[in-house]
């Protein structure tokens, strides 16, 4: 079962176009657009109401869809909340790969990482604040607030950051330390 949709893994796969595969047809593009609009609306509602206070009805109204349409995409509010977190994490990781990992100089890569994290936090400030204020232990260890579906992405991110510091140490740009 896929935790995001409560569907069997074969039915819960993300559409090919989101995975970078070949472009899809008009109907699938429309479905992807609707899914994105729902996730964006959900983020706004979660910011205003919190994860516990928000309702699927409010999210549907914000997204300008019927409640049933929301359930066509997401099995529950919790699944939708997880999808918001995953979408934010995936967008961050994509920018991280393009802006930070593509930077050959480790010092410049660390600068780019700091700038990216600040920009990303600013873009999703309300959502991060809501999570940090409402999820136990999130301020002490933000990684503990990530849904299991985000763990592999987070682990890849940490390994990549360690790699930047290891490159900097090897090049004599950073003091030797355990990254």
Foldseek 3Di string as FASTA:
>chain_A
DDLLAPDPPVVPDDDPVVVVDDDDDPVVVVVVVLLVLLLVLLLVQCLVQNLVRGALCSSCVSSVHDSVVVCVNHVGSVSSVLVNVVVLLVVLLVCLVVFQVVDPQLVVSVVSVVVSVVVSCVVSVSSLVSCVVPPPCCVVPVVVSHDPVCVVSVVVVVVSNQVSVVVCVVVVNDPDDRD
